[in-house]
Structure formats: C-alpha cells, structure tokens
Protein backbone atom coordinates (compact mmCIF):
# COMPACT_ATOMS: atom_id res chain seq x y z
CA MET A 1 53.89 43.91 46.61
CA PRO A 2 51.23 45.64 44.42
CA ASP A 3 50.89 49.43 44.37
CA ILE A 4 48.23 50.05 47.00
CA GLU A 5 47.08 53.22 45.28
CA ASP A 6 45.88 51.39 42.16
CA GLY A 7 45.20 47.93 43.56
CA LEU A 8 42.06 46.02 44.33
CA VAL A 9 40.83 44.14 47.39
CA LEU A 10 39.66 40.57 46.89
CA GLY A 11 36.79 39.61 49.18
CA LEU A 12 35.66 36.05 50.01
CA GLU A 13 32.28 35.39 51.64
CA GLY A 14 31.19 31.94 52.81
CA THR A 15 29.58 32.14 56.25
CA ALA A 16 26.64 29.89 55.36
CA TRP A 17 24.84 29.11 52.10
CA ASN A 18 26.56 31.37 49.58
CA LEU A 19 30.15 31.15 48.41
CA SER A 20 31.00 34.45 46.78
CA ALA A 21 34.07 36.37 45.62
CA ALA A 22 34.41 40.00 44.57
CA LEU A 23 36.92 42.69 43.69
CA PHE A 24 36.57 46.23 44.95
CA GLY A 25 38.62 49.29 44.04
CA GLU A 26 36.97 52.67 43.82
CA ASP A 27 33.83 50.74 42.93
CA LEU A 28 32.75 47.14 42.49
CA VAL A 29 34.89 45.59 39.76
CA ALA A 30 33.76 41.95 39.73
CA LEU A 31 31.39 39.67 41.64
CA HIS A 32 30.65 35.97 41.28
CA SER A 33 28.68 33.65 43.54
CA ALA A 34 27.95 29.93 43.76
CA PRO A 35 25.17 29.34 46.28
CA TYR A 36 24.71 26.03 48.08
CA THR A 37 21.15 24.71 47.83
CA PRO A 38 20.42 21.76 50.11
CA PRO A 39 18.50 18.95 48.39
CA LYS A 40 16.13 18.81 51.34
CA GLY A 41 15.71 20.58 54.66
CA GLY A 42 17.91 23.39 55.91
CA ILE A 43 21.59 24.13 55.53
CA HIS A 44 23.91 21.35 56.74
CA PRO A 45 27.22 22.91 57.87
CA ARG A 46 29.49 20.11 56.62
CA GLU A 47 27.72 19.86 53.28
CA ALA A 48 27.94 23.65 52.88
CA ALA A 49 31.67 23.48 53.60
CA GLN A 50 32.12 20.67 51.07
CA HIS A 51 30.25 22.72 48.49
CA HIS A 52 32.44 25.74 49.19
CA ALA A 53 35.61 23.66 48.89
CA SER A 54 34.52 22.13 45.59
CA MET A 55 33.54 25.49 44.09
CA MET A 56 36.31 27.66 45.56
CA LYS A 57 38.72 27.52 42.62
CA ASP A 58 36.03 28.28 40.06
CA VAL A 59 34.49 31.17 42.02
CA ILE A 60 37.84 32.85 42.67
CA SER A 61 39.10 32.38 39.12
CA ARG A 62 36.00 34.13 37.77
CA VAL A 63 37.03 37.39 39.46
CA LEU A 64 40.79 37.03 39.96
CA THR A 65 41.89 37.64 36.37
CA GLU A 66 44.75 40.02 37.19
CA PRO A 67 46.45 38.82 40.39
CA ALA A 68 49.11 41.54 40.19
CA LYS A 69 46.49 44.18 40.96
CA ILE A 70 45.43 42.66 44.28
CA ARG A 71 46.52 44.71 47.29
CA ALA A 72 44.81 42.64 50.03
CA VAL A 73 42.63 39.59 50.62
CA ALA A 74 39.60 39.98 52.88
CA PHE A 75 37.48 37.11 54.17
CA SER A 76 34.39 36.63 56.32
CA ARG A 77 35.84 35.69 59.69
CA GLY A 78 32.45 35.26 61.38
CA PRO A 79 29.78 34.94 62.56
CA GLY A 80 28.71 31.87 60.67
CA LEU A 81 28.86 28.09 60.35
CA GLY A 82 32.21 26.81 61.59
CA PRO A 83 33.01 24.34 58.77
CA ALA A 84 32.10 26.87 56.08
CA LEU A 85 34.11 29.63 57.75
CA ARG A 86 37.18 27.40 58.01
CA THR A 87 37.02 26.54 54.32
CA VAL A 88 36.94 30.19 53.28
CA ALA A 89 39.60 31.24 55.80
CA THR A 90 41.98 28.56 54.51
CA ALA A 91 41.58 29.82 50.96
CA ALA A 92 42.08 33.42 52.05
CA ARG A 93 45.29 32.61 53.92
CA ALA A 94 46.67 30.71 50.94
CA LEU A 95 45.92 33.61 48.60
CA SER A 96 47.43 36.13 51.02
CA ILE A 97 50.67 34.14 51.11
CA ALA A 98 50.75 33.43 47.37
CA LEU A 99 50.07 37.04 46.40
CA ASP A 100 52.22 38.47 49.22
CA VAL A 101 49.48 40.86 50.34
CA PRO A 102 47.87 41.59 53.73
CA LEU A 103 45.03 39.51 55.13
CA ILE A 104 41.89 41.18 56.50
CA GLY A 105 39.33 39.44 58.72
CA VAL A 106 35.89 41.00 58.26
CA ASN A 107 32.91 40.72 60.56
CA HIS A 108 30.06 39.51 58.35
CA CYS A 109 27.42 41.65 60.09
CA VAL A 110 29.52 44.82 59.94
CA ALA A 111 30.04 44.16 56.23
CA HIS A 112 26.26 44.12 55.65
CA ILE A 113 26.01 47.54 57.31
CA GLU A 114 29.01 49.07 55.53
CA ILE A 115 27.99 47.98 52.04
CA GLY A 116 24.51 49.29 52.84
CA ARG A 117 25.85 52.69 53.89
CA TRP A 118 28.03 52.83 50.78
CA ALA A 119 25.22 51.79 48.41
CA THR A 120 22.62 54.18 49.84
CA GLY A 121 24.73 57.15 50.92
CA PHE A 122 23.25 57.04 54.43
CA ASP A 123 25.53 58.42 57.13
CA ASP A 124 24.31 57.52 60.62
CA PRO A 125 21.22 55.33 60.38
CA ILE A 126 19.34 53.03 62.67
CA VAL A 127 19.92 49.65 60.98
CA LEU A 128 17.50 46.75 60.80
CA TYR A 129 19.66 43.75 59.95
CA ALA A 130 17.42 40.82 59.04
CA SER A 131 19.02 37.65 57.69
CA GLY A 132 18.82 33.93 58.22
CA ALA A 133 20.60 33.69 61.54
CA ASN A 134 20.61 37.34 62.63
CA THR A 135 17.87 39.82 63.44
CA GLN A 136 19.20 42.95 65.10
CA VAL A 137 18.48 46.66 65.38
CA LEU A 138 21.70 48.67 65.58
CA GLY A 139 23.04 52.19 65.84
CA PHE A 140 26.53 53.68 65.91
CA LEU A 141 27.96 55.15 69.12
CA GLY A 142 31.44 55.49 70.56
CA GLY A 143 33.26 53.75 67.74
CA ARG A 144 31.10 50.61 67.62
CA TYR A 145 27.79 49.42 66.24
CA ARG A 146 25.61 49.02 69.30
CA ILE A 147 22.75 46.53 69.47
CA PHE A 148 19.50 48.16 70.58
CA GLY A 149 17.51 44.97 70.22
CA GLU A 150 17.70 41.51 68.70
CA THR A 151 16.02 38.15 68.49
CA LEU A 152 16.12 36.15 71.70
CA ASP A 153 15.75 32.83 69.90
CA ILE A 154 16.08 32.37 66.12
CA GLY A 155 16.75 34.79 63.28
CA LEU A 156 13.88 35.95 61.08
CA GLY A 157 15.19 34.19 57.98
CA ASN A 158 15.63 30.91 59.84
CA ALA A 159 12.12 31.29 61.26
CA LEU A 160 10.69 31.64 57.75
CA ASP A 161 12.78 28.70 56.53
CA LYS A 162 11.61 26.55 59.43
CA PHE A 163 7.97 27.22 58.60
CA ALA A 164 8.61 26.64 54.90
CA ARG A 165 10.18 23.23 55.55
CA SER A 166 7.14 22.16 57.54
CA HIS A 167 5.04 22.71 54.39
CA ASP A 168 7.57 21.33 51.88
CA LEU A 169 8.23 24.77 50.39
CA PRO A 170 11.58 25.27 48.62
CA HIS A 171 14.70 26.67 50.31
CA PRO A 172 15.13 29.50 51.06
CA GLY A 173 11.60 29.80 52.37
CA GLY A 174 11.21 33.58 52.37
CA PRO A 175 10.46 34.08 48.65
CA ALA A 176 7.93 31.22 48.59
CA ILE A 177 6.16 32.58 51.67
CA GLU A 178 6.12 36.07 50.13
CA ARG A 179 4.44 34.76 46.96
CA LEU A 180 1.81 32.82 48.90
CA ALA A 181 1.15 35.70 51.29
CA ARG A 182 0.10 37.96 48.39
CA LYS A 183 -2.84 35.60 47.78
CA GLY A 184 -3.84 35.25 51.43
CA GLU A 185 -5.70 37.10 54.15
CA TYR A 186 -4.22 38.01 57.53
CA ILE A 187 -4.90 35.64 60.42
CA GLU A 188 -4.07 36.29 64.05
CA LEU A 189 -0.85 34.76 65.36
CA PRO A 190 1.29 35.35 68.51
CA TYR A 191 3.06 38.72 68.60
CA THR A 192 6.13 38.80 70.86
CA VAL A 193 8.00 42.06 71.41
CA LYS A 194 9.95 42.46 74.64
CA GLY A 195 11.08 46.06 74.78
CA MET A 196 13.53 46.24 71.91
CA ASP A 197 13.97 42.47 71.64
CA LEU A 198 11.90 39.95 69.72
CA ALA A 199 11.13 36.24 69.74
CA PHE A 200 9.94 34.24 66.73
CA SER A 201 9.73 30.63 67.96
CA GLY A 202 6.18 30.89 69.34
CA LEU A 203 5.01 32.61 66.17
CA VAL A 204 6.47 29.89 63.95
CA SER A 205 5.04 27.09 66.11
CA ALA A 206 1.56 28.63 65.97
CA ALA A 207 1.83 29.12 62.21
CA ARG A 208 2.91 25.51 61.68
CA GLU A 209 -0.03 24.23 63.74
CA SER A 210 -2.63 26.47 62.08
CA THR A 211 -5.38 24.76 60.07
CA ALA A 212 -6.12 27.88 58.03
CA PRO A 213 -5.37 27.90 54.28
CA LEU A 214 -1.63 28.04 53.63
CA GLU A 215 -1.90 31.41 51.85
CA ASP A 216 -3.61 32.92 54.90
CA VAL A 217 -1.05 31.46 57.29
CA CYS A 218 1.77 32.91 55.18
CA ALA A 219 0.04 36.30 55.20
CA GLY A 220 -0.40 36.18 58.97
CA LEU A 221 3.17 35.01 59.50
CA GLN A 222 4.63 37.81 57.37
CA GLU A 223 2.44 40.57 58.75
CA THR A 224 3.13 39.56 62.35
CA ALA A 225 6.88 38.97 62.08
CA PHE A 226 7.52 42.09 60.01
CA ALA A 227 5.36 44.28 62.26
CA MET A 228 7.44 43.12 65.21
CA CYS A 229 10.64 44.11 63.41
CA VAL A 230 9.30 47.50 62.33
CA GLU A 231 7.99 48.26 65.83
CA VAL A 232 11.39 47.57 67.38
CA THR A 233 13.09 49.64 64.68
CA GLU A 234 10.72 52.54 65.35
CA ARG A 235 11.32 52.19 69.07
CA ALA A 236 15.09 52.50 68.51
CA LEU A 237 14.59 55.42 66.13
CA ALA A 238 12.50 57.30 68.68
CA HIS A 239 14.81 56.43 71.58
CA ALA A 240 18.02 57.44 69.81
CA GLY A 241 16.72 60.55 68.08
CA LYS A 242 18.07 59.58 64.65
CA TYR A 243 16.47 60.29 61.27
CA GLU A 244 17.62 57.52 58.94
CA VAL A 245 16.66 53.84 58.74
CA LEU A 246 18.66 51.34 56.70
CA LEU A 247 17.47 47.80 55.94
CA VAL A 248 20.17 45.18 55.26
CA GLY A 249 20.39 41.39 55.14
CA GLY A 250 18.82 38.77 52.92
CA VAL A 251 15.29 39.09 54.34
CA GLY A 252 15.48 42.75 53.34
CA ALA A 253 14.67 41.69 49.77
CA ASN A 254 11.04 41.12 50.83
CA ALA A 255 8.86 43.82 49.24
CA ARG A 256 6.33 43.81 52.09
CA LEU A 257 9.01 44.39 54.74
CA GLN A 258 10.42 47.25 52.67
CA GLU A 259 6.94 48.73 52.29
CA MET A 260 6.22 48.58 56.03
CA LEU A 261 9.51 50.23 56.97
CA GLY A 262 8.99 52.89 54.33
CA VAL A 263 5.54 53.74 55.67
CA MET A 264 6.82 53.91 59.25
CA CYS A 265 9.63 56.25 58.25
CA GLU A 266 7.32 58.43 56.17
CA ASP A 267 4.98 58.83 59.14
CA ARG A 268 7.90 59.76 61.42
CA GLY A 269 9.56 62.15 58.96
CA ALA A 270 12.61 59.88 58.70
CA SER A 271 14.47 58.72 55.59
CA PHE A 272 14.44 55.07 54.58
CA ALA A 273 16.74 53.20 52.22
CA VAL A 274 17.54 49.66 51.20
CA PRO A 275 20.50 48.66 49.00
CA GLU A 276 19.86 47.05 45.64
CA ARG A 277 19.17 43.33 45.83
CA MET A 278 22.71 42.22 44.86
CA TYR A 279 24.03 43.72 48.11
CA LEU A 280 21.30 42.38 50.44
CA GLY A 281 22.01 38.67 50.65
CA ASP A 282 25.42 37.33 51.64
CA ASN A 283 27.87 38.41 48.94
CA GLY A 284 31.57 38.87 48.31
CA ALA A 285 31.16 42.57 47.46
CA MET A 286 30.35 43.48 51.05
CA ILE A 287 33.48 41.67 52.27
CA ALA A 288 35.68 43.23 49.59
CA TYR A 289 34.33 46.75 50.21
CA THR A 290 34.62 46.53 54.01
CA GLY A 291 38.09 44.99 53.62
CA LYS A 292 39.09 47.93 51.43
CA VAL A 293 37.88 50.45 54.04
CA MET A 294 39.68 48.58 56.80
CA LEU A 295 42.89 48.38 54.77
CA ASP A 296 42.75 52.11 54.05
CA HIS A 297 42.74 52.64 57.84
CA GLY A 298 45.53 50.18 58.59
CA VAL A 299 43.38 47.34 59.93
CA THR A 300 44.95 44.03 58.87
CA LEU A 301 45.16 40.59 60.43
CA PRO A 302 48.39 38.64 61.03
CA LEU A 303 48.22 35.08 59.73
CA GLU A 304 48.90 33.65 63.20
CA GLU A 305 45.84 35.49 64.55
CA SER A 306 43.47 34.66 61.70
CA GLN A 307 41.38 32.03 63.46
CA ILE A 308 37.70 32.03 62.52
CA ARG A 309 35.11 33.33 65.00
CA PRO A 310 31.73 31.57 64.57
CA GLY A 311 30.17 33.72 67.32
CA TYR A 312 31.74 37.05 66.29
CA ARG A 313 29.44 39.78 67.61
CA VAL A 314 28.98 43.03 65.72
CA ASP A 315 29.46 45.09 68.89
CA GLU A 316 32.91 43.52 69.43
CA VAL A 317 34.32 45.27 66.37
CA ALA A 318 36.12 48.60 66.78
CA ILE A 319 34.94 50.71 63.82
CA THR A 320 38.17 52.67 63.48
CA TRP A 321 37.36 53.90 59.98
CA ARG A 322 34.53 56.14 61.25
CA ALA A 323 36.00 59.26 62.84
CA GLU A 324 32.74 60.63 64.24
CA PRO A 325 31.63 59.25 67.64
CA GLY A 326 27.98 58.73 66.67
CA ASP A 327 25.25 60.86 68.18
CA MET A 328 22.42 59.79 70.44
CA PHE A 329 19.46 61.82 71.67
CA ALA A 330 20.35 64.69 69.32
CA ALA A 331 16.84 66.12 69.65
CA GLY A 332 17.35 66.82 73.35
CA PRO A 333 14.77 66.71 76.16
CA HIS A 334 11.17 67.55 75.31
CA GLU A 335 9.97 70.58 77.22
CA GLY A 336 6.24 70.56 76.53
CA GLY A 337 3.49 70.51 73.90
CA VAL A 338 3.11 67.34 71.85
CA ALA A 339 5.73 64.56 71.82
CA ARG A 340 5.75 61.47 69.65
CA GLY A 341 7.15 58.23 70.93
CA ALA A 342 7.36 54.89 69.19
CA GLU A 343 3.82 53.88 70.12
CA ALA A 344 1.86 56.94 71.05
CA VAL A 345 1.31 60.65 70.64
CA VAL A 346 1.64 62.35 74.01
CA GLU A 347 0.10 65.75 74.74
CA ILE A 348 1.90 67.31 77.68
CA ARG A 349 -0.26 69.73 79.65
CA ASP A 350 0.46 71.75 82.79
CA GLU A 351 -0.95 69.16 85.19
CA ASP A 352 -1.49 66.00 83.17
CA VAL A 353 -0.47 64.00 80.14
CA VAL A 354 -2.78 62.61 77.46
CA LYS A 355 -1.32 59.50 75.87
CA ARG A 356 -3.11 58.34 72.74
CA ARG A 357 -1.98 55.23 70.92
CA ALA A 358 -1.89 56.17 67.27
CA SER A 359 -2.84 53.72 64.56
CA LYS A 360 0.17 52.42 62.65
CA ARG A 361 -0.35 52.48 58.88
CA TYR A 362 2.33 49.84 58.37
CA ARG A 363 0.43 47.27 60.43
CA ASN A 364 -2.48 45.15 59.26
CA PRO A 365 -5.64 46.93 60.52
CA ALA A 366 -6.85 43.96 62.57
CA LEU A 367 -3.44 43.53 64.22
CA ASP A 368 -3.24 47.27 64.79
CA ARG A 369 -6.63 47.41 66.57
CA ARG A 370 -5.77 44.39 68.69
CA LEU A 371 -2.45 45.80 69.90
CA ILE A 372 -3.85 49.25 70.63
CA THR A 373 -6.76 47.89 72.69
CA GLU A 374 -4.74 45.25 74.56
CA ARG A 375 -1.86 47.55 75.41
CA THR A 376 -4.03 50.50 76.51
CA ARG A 377 -6.03 48.36 78.91
CA ALA A 378 -3.00 46.53 80.25
CA GLU A 379 -1.02 49.73 80.74
CA ALA A 380 -3.71 51.43 82.83
CA ARG A 381 -4.30 48.32 84.93
CA LEU A 382 -0.64 47.64 85.63
CA ILE A 383 0.26 51.25 86.39
CA ALA A 384 -2.43 51.22 89.07
CA THR A 385 -1.29 47.83 90.37
CA ALA A 386 2.35 48.90 90.54
CA ARG A 387 1.44 52.11 92.33
CA ARG A 388 -0.49 50.20 94.99
CA ALA A 389 2.65 48.09 95.50
CA GLY A 390 4.71 51.17 96.28
CA VAL A 391 6.30 51.68 92.86
CA PRO A 392 6.45 55.36 91.82
CA THR A 393 4.22 55.72 88.74
CA PRO A 394 1.91 58.41 87.31
CA VAL A 395 -1.62 58.65 88.73
CA ILE A 396 -4.27 57.47 86.22
CA ARG A 397 -7.10 59.99 85.76
CA ASP A 398 -9.10 58.65 82.81
CA ILE A 399 -8.99 55.88 80.19
CA THR A 400 -10.71 55.08 76.88
CA ALA A 401 -10.07 52.37 74.27
CA ASP A 402 -6.93 54.07 72.95
CA THR A 403 -6.18 56.92 75.38
CA ILE A 404 -4.95 57.28 78.95
CA VAL A 405 -5.02 60.58 80.85
CA MET A 406 -2.52 60.56 83.69
CA GLU A 407 -0.56 62.78 86.00
CA ARG A 408 2.30 64.70 84.42
CA VAL A 409 5.57 63.54 85.99
CA ALA A 410 7.78 66.63 86.02
CA GLY A 411 11.42 65.63 85.91
CA ASP A 412 14.20 64.45 83.59
CA LEU A 413 14.16 61.33 81.48
CA LEU A 414 16.89 59.04 82.75
CA LYS A 415 18.60 58.95 79.35
CA TYR A 416 19.47 62.65 79.71
CA VAL A 417 20.72 62.43 83.33
CA MET A 418 22.40 59.04 83.36
CA THR A 419 24.70 58.95 86.39
CA PRO A 420 25.60 56.04 88.68
CA GLU A 421 23.42 57.56 91.40
CA ASN A 422 20.40 57.73 89.11
CA ALA A 423 21.11 54.26 87.77
CA GLY A 424 20.96 53.04 91.37
CA LEU A 425 17.57 54.72 91.82
CA ALA A 426 16.36 52.97 88.68
CA GLY A 427 17.57 49.62 89.99
CA GLU A 428 15.73 50.14 93.26
CA VAL A 429 12.40 50.92 91.60
CA VAL A 430 12.68 48.00 89.16
CA GLY A 431 13.43 45.74 92.13
CA ARG A 432 10.20 46.88 93.78
CA LEU A 433 8.30 46.31 90.55
CA HIS A 434 9.60 42.75 90.19
CA ASP A 435 8.91 42.05 93.86
CA ALA A 436 5.28 42.98 93.12
CA GLY A 437 5.12 40.35 90.35
CA ILE A 438 5.13 42.84 87.47
CA VAL A 439 7.54 43.00 84.53
CA HIS A 440 7.75 46.30 82.70
CA GLY A 441 8.47 44.88 79.26
CA ASP A 442 10.18 48.02 77.93
CA LEU A 443 12.83 48.99 80.44
CA THR A 444 14.73 51.62 78.52
CA THR A 445 16.13 54.89 79.83
CA SER A 446 13.37 56.67 77.88
CA ASN A 447 10.77 55.17 80.21
CA MET A 448 12.19 56.31 83.54
CA VAL A 449 11.92 59.82 84.98
CA ILE A 450 14.13 61.18 87.75
CA ARG A 451 12.02 63.42 90.01
CA ASP A 452 12.94 64.76 93.44
CA GLY A 453 15.52 62.08 94.14
CA GLN A 454 13.42 59.12 93.03
CA CYS A 455 12.89 57.21 89.79
CA VAL A 456 9.36 57.13 88.38
CA LEU A 457 8.46 54.39 85.90
CA ILE A 458 6.34 55.39 82.90
CA ASP A 459 5.07 53.73 79.70
CA PHE A 460 3.73 50.35 80.82
CA GLY A 461 2.47 49.51 77.32
CA LEU A 462 4.34 46.19 77.17
CA ALA A 463 3.99 45.35 80.87
CA SER A 464 2.53 42.13 82.25
CA THR A 465 2.18 40.22 85.47
CA SER A 466 4.51 37.27 85.79
CA PRO A 467 6.13 35.36 88.65
CA GLU A 468 8.67 33.81 86.25
CA VAL A 469 12.39 34.38 86.60
CA GLU A 470 12.67 34.28 82.80
CA ALA A 471 10.38 37.30 82.29
CA ARG A 472 12.27 39.31 84.90
CA GLY A 473 15.59 38.32 83.35
CA VAL A 474 14.44 39.56 79.94
CA ASP A 475 13.30 42.80 81.58
CA LEU A 476 16.80 43.43 82.93
CA HIS A 477 18.37 42.37 79.64
CA VAL A 478 16.45 45.09 77.82
CA PHE A 479 17.73 47.69 80.29
CA PHE A 480 21.35 46.51 80.22
CA GLN A 481 21.26 46.39 76.43
CA THR A 482 20.05 50.00 76.39
CA LEU A 483 22.96 51.02 78.62
CA ALA A 484 25.45 49.27 76.36
CA SER A 485 24.01 50.82 73.21
CA THR A 486 23.68 54.42 74.41
CA THR A 487 26.29 55.14 77.10
CA GLY A 488 30.06 55.21 77.27
CA ASN A 489 30.34 53.88 80.83
CA SER A 490 27.77 51.10 80.76
CA ASP A 491 29.70 48.78 83.10
CA GLU A 492 29.75 51.37 85.90
CA LEU A 493 26.07 52.19 85.38
CA ARG A 494 25.14 48.53 85.30
CA GLU A 495 26.85 47.88 88.64
CA ALA A 496 25.04 50.83 90.22
CA PHE A 497 21.71 49.54 88.89
CA ILE A 498 22.40 46.04 90.21
CA GLU A 499 23.22 47.38 93.67
CA GLY A 500 19.90 49.23 93.80
CA TYR A 501 18.01 46.26 92.38
CA ALA A 502 19.48 43.74 94.82
CA GLY A 503 18.73 46.03 97.73
CA ALA A 504 15.03 46.15 96.84
CA PHE A 505 14.35 42.61 95.61
CA PRO A 506 15.25 39.44 97.57
CA GLY A 507 15.24 37.30 94.41
CA ALA A 508 17.77 39.48 92.60
CA ASP A 509 20.58 36.91 92.36
CA GLU A 510 18.44 34.37 90.51
CA VAL A 511 17.12 37.00 88.10
CA LEU A 512 20.59 38.38 87.39
CA SER A 513 21.84 34.86 86.67
CA ARG A 514 18.97 34.35 84.24
CA GLU A 515 19.69 37.71 82.57
CA HIS A 516 23.19 36.45 81.84
CA GLU A 517 21.70 33.35 80.21
CA VAL A 518 19.44 35.55 78.08
CA GLU A 519 22.45 37.61 77.01
CA LEU A 520 24.31 34.48 75.92
CA ARG A 521 21.39 33.38 73.74
CA GLY A 522 21.95 36.39 71.53
CA ARG A 523 25.57 35.33 71.03
CA TYR A 524 24.90 32.08 69.20
CA LEU A 525 25.64 33.76 65.88
C-alpha cells in the first residue's frame, strides 16, 4: 500500500453532465474533464452514463500517470442521476481493488462546500449552493451542514435550462440567458419566496409564456430568480448571526448573481467570496479534495457498503473533519436602539417599534419598489386581521408606503429561549393563525417572541390569506426546517410544537401530512 504521507487521492466526479477526474495532495495536482453535451434537450440519464463509460478510461489515464502514489480513491456517491452514479462507482471500486487502496464515498453537495471553503479561506460561512438540480442555503451546526432553505420544486440551473430549451438556446442554458440578459430590460415576473424556501416553476412558466422580447424576458428571469436567492441568503445570514457568505455550484459562475450577493454582503458588513470558475461547476477536484480530508480523518467506505445514493442529502453527512460545533446567533439578543433584519431596519423605542423596509441595492429598482409596497401593505393588514382572530400580535399604530409603527413587544425571541414548553406555545399560536385562514410565510424562530407565558407572532412581511392545505404545510415546513438547522434537539421541539398546534387547530392532521409531502419534495436530489 502507498505511503499515505506522500500519496495522492484520486477523485472521480460523474453525478450528471460532467465526467471528471483529479488528483489532490497538498494542492491540486491534476484535473481533467469530459463533459456530456446532449444533442438536443436536457440531460438524459442513460445517455450520460453511456458517455461516462465511453470516456472513463481516457479521463482517468490523463491524471493517473503514477498509480503507485495513489493512497485512496474517492467518488461522487450522490446525489445525482442513478445511471451516471453507478458508472462512476463501478470504476472507483475497480481502481480501489486494483491499487489496493481505501475507497471513499463523497457527498457531491458537501464536496462543493468543502472545495469552496478551501479555495476561499472562509471558515464558517452561510453557503448559497446553486446548481442544476440543487438550490440550497446552508450553515454549519452540530457537526452537519444544516439546510436553512431550499427550492421546493426545481433547482435554479434546471429552471434556467428549462426556459432555454423552450427558446432553442444551447445547453447549458445559463450562459446563453446571461448574455441575452445584458442586452435586455427588466420585466415583471412572479416572485416566490416562502420564508427561507423558494419555488421557480411559476417563474419559468410565466417567462416561457411572455410575449416580450427575448432579451427582456431573460433580464426579468435573471433578476427575479437571483433576487429570490439573495433574499433567502440574507435572511439566513441575519437569522444565524454569521458574517461570511460563500457561493458555490455551477450557477455561481453567473456574474450578475455574484454581483448581487456582493452588494448584499457589502451593505450588511459581511464578507463574500466565490471560488474560481474551475471549482464552481461539477469537477473531480472537489471530490478528490473532500476525499483527502475524509481520509485524513479516517472516513473510508467498505466495498460492500459502497452502493450509490441518488437522493443523498447534505444534512445526512456527519462532518467529522470539522472539530468546531458551528455557532449560531453569535450576536446575541438585541436589547434596544436600531436592529437590522433581512428586510427592514427596526428602530426600537420605549413604547413602540418603527419598522422601515429598506431599499435593496442588489434588486432591480422596479422589483424593489414593488416588493416594499406590497409587503408593507400586506403586513399591516394581516397583523390586524390576525389580532382580531385572537392571535397575539403587535398593535399597529401608523403605516406609510414603506414604514409601520407598531407596539413594542417586550420579551425574548424564541430562538434565544427555545425550550419544549415555548415550542408548544409557538405551535398553539400558529394553530390559531391557520384556523383564521392566514399563513405567516416566514415562520422562523426569529419571528416569534415569548412574552408573559404566551407566544407573540411578529414580522408578517410574507404573510397571506389562504384556505389551502398546501400553503399551511409550507408554513410548517419553514418552521421545522429552522428547528433542524439551528437546534440540537429538533425532534423534541418539533413534537412539542405539533402538540400545541393540534390542540389549537382542528385541521392539524391534514396539514402535518402535507408538510411531510413538502419535506419529501426537497429530497429528490
């Protein structure tokens, strides 16, 4: 067996369109890729697998010039397209046996994050991971990468590809859309943010049906989709109290998305970084590097347990190579003065609170004005409606186009006093809200205040009226996702919340069943 001190890790990536191999030691030693380009339409799993099989020997031989130096073989175990994953896994097993070295199964999403951290030097960032099949906002806590928010339907890259195909643009669609968008003017399209989750299907459908010039549709599509991603990233940044944002994934190569995230971080006093382009799309270097880190910490995979995992979730992976637990809410509770959330600047006075929605420089001005006006009006109306229905909320005292003056709710944000008892109080008040036909839209522990033995709901900026089980299910999904991403005993807290919720809302069982369906949608890849 090779000397592990001087050896290299061979990494094989092939989850979807790109077959890639790399060697990593103390640094990247070699990288070679052979991407699959479909002649028409999107990626066909079997054709991608056939491409990978036909190119495997050539791709590996380009980097594997000194087999004696290999100390382990790492491969992308998932998530990804089943046929493509199986092809790469078979090659990895064969190499592991032939070279008599350990096998390492790498989670593709974790690899994007780890190569990004390595390439940028960032330590504990909020991560926006935007690729073809995945769009997630993540942070590290308790030995795992936790998902703050994600797409509820299709990934951002797939959404762009779907639109591109409808206009006979080349694959992948993102670069073509980016070029056309530079020549266009923004047009209004559907904007769908649900707390920290997003949905792109309605946006793509509206863009496909638009009769505006193609350049304008591309501009509107980009500005809308990217603003949604940046808003959710900012929401996670504000909620978690972190100060770094890392962009990874193939869509991260888009200059406009990078610009928008950079502006958001500059305005918040946070640092922003994106790896160089060679590390953004799917590549063997990220598998080889992550495999090396895992090997250094004793994480290997027996051959008999090396089955592929097409639905391998990032939050299933124990990140044993990071010793620190990951901090949340490091800034601590705000005691007074001026606070800045994801959407608004809040002036906290002795008796009241002045909430002013600040303009976002990263957003198109027309989109920015629209969101500020719509959300300010809706928030004031629905706070008043909820209060009349017996839901504890602040009292509204004044409203303008971008500002609401309301009662100051003296108490503790739920995220700082998260106990089963308080989770039960939160469940009870959300049950009352849903019974009144209102969905909050942003049910995080930053938007609930515990005061005198009751839970008060605040920040109705994404709220709406809806009798639909689906909307209520998404509401609960946002809350449960927040528990999973920021607490160490989320199962216990979830059960306490459910008990309170079911006690206050007769339709709880149907909504909870739908929430489970919503959760499963995020596990398709």
